Amino acid sequence: MPFVNIRMVEGPASEEQKSEIAREITDLLQRVLGKDPANTHIAFEEFSAENWAIKGKLVKKLREDAQ
């Protein structure tokens, strides 16, 4: 039973995009590893921009600086 956990900062991915990602990953696991899609689990774990840092800076600050 494959379990895929996708962690990301909240906001950039819509529900439709997450659905597409889930389909693509499920298809990939079926095609490459022969895994049954009915047994493939995918979790999207979203963090607030205040709880994720890149290159030593909080994403919230990076987004503010980009505006």
Protein backbone atom coordinates (compact mmCIF):
# COMPACT_ATOMS: atom_id res chain seq x y z
CA MET A 1 0.00 0.00 0.00
CA PRO A 2 1.80 3.16 -1.12
CA PHE A 3 1.40 6.26 1.01
CA VAL A 4 2.59 9.58 -0.43
CA ASN A 5 2.77 12.66 1.78
CA ILE A 6 3.07 15.99 -0.03
CA ARG A 7 4.11 18.87 2.21
CA MET A 8 3.84 22.44 1.01
CA VAL A 9 3.07 25.99 2.00
CA GLU A 10 -0.65 26.72 1.87
CA GLY A 11 -2.09 28.85 -0.85
CA PRO A 12 -0.43 28.14 -4.16
CA ALA A 13 -2.29 24.94 -5.10
CA SER A 14 -6.00 24.89 -5.84
CA GLU A 15 -8.25 21.92 -5.14
CA GLU A 16 -8.29 21.15 -8.87
CA GLN A 17 -4.49 21.17 -9.00
CA LYS A 18 -4.25 18.85 -5.99
CA SER A 19 -6.72 16.47 -7.67
CA GLU A 20 -4.55 16.44 -10.79
CA ILE A 21 -1.41 15.79 -8.73
CA ALA A 22 -3.15 12.91 -6.94
CA ARG A 23 -4.25 11.36 -10.25
CA GLU A 24 -0.79 11.72 -11.78
CA ILE A 25 0.98 10.18 -8.77
CA THR A 26 -1.54 7.34 -8.59
CA ASP A 27 -1.10 6.65 -12.32
CA LEU A 28 2.68 6.75 -11.96
CA LEU A 29 2.71 4.23 -9.11
CA GLN A 30 0.41 1.94 -11.05
CA ARG A 31 2.47 2.18 -14.26
CA VAL A 32 5.95 1.92 -12.74
CA LEU A 33 5.39 -0.33 -9.72
CA GLY A 34 2.14 -2.08 -10.64
CA LYS A 35 0.41 -0.73 -7.53
CA ASP A 36 -3.37 -0.96 -7.28
CA PRO A 37 -4.84 2.57 -7.37
CA ALA A 38 -7.45 1.48 -4.82
CA ASN A 39 -4.63 0.99 -2.31
CA THR A 40 -2.70 4.19 -3.06
CA HIS A 41 -3.07 6.92 -0.43
CA ILE A 42 -1.97 10.52 -0.93
CA ALA A 43 -2.02 13.18 1.79
CA PHE A 44 -1.56 16.89 1.24
CA GLU A 45 -0.12 18.56 4.31
CA GLU A 46 -0.19 22.35 4.14
CA PHE A 47 1.74 24.70 6.39
CA SER A 48 1.13 28.38 6.93
CA ALA A 49 3.69 30.77 5.48
CA GLU A 50 4.72 31.61 9.06
CA ASN A 51 5.70 27.97 9.65
CA TRP A 52 7.87 27.31 6.59
CA ALA A 53 11.29 28.74 5.81
CA ILE A 54 13.47 28.69 2.71
CA LYS A 55 17.12 29.74 2.75
CA GLY A 56 16.76 30.86 6.35
CA LYS A 57 13.77 33.14 5.75
CA LEU A 58 10.10 32.59 6.50
CA VAL A 59 7.98 32.25 3.38
CA LYS A 60 5.68 34.94 4.73
CA LYS A 61 8.57 37.42 4.71
CA LEU A 62 9.74 36.30 1.27
CA ARG A 63 6.24 36.83 -0.12
CA GLU A 64 5.99 40.28 1.49
CA ASP A 65 9.36 41.29 0.05
CA ALA A 66 8.30 40.12 -3.42
CA GLN A 67 5.33 42.50 -3.51
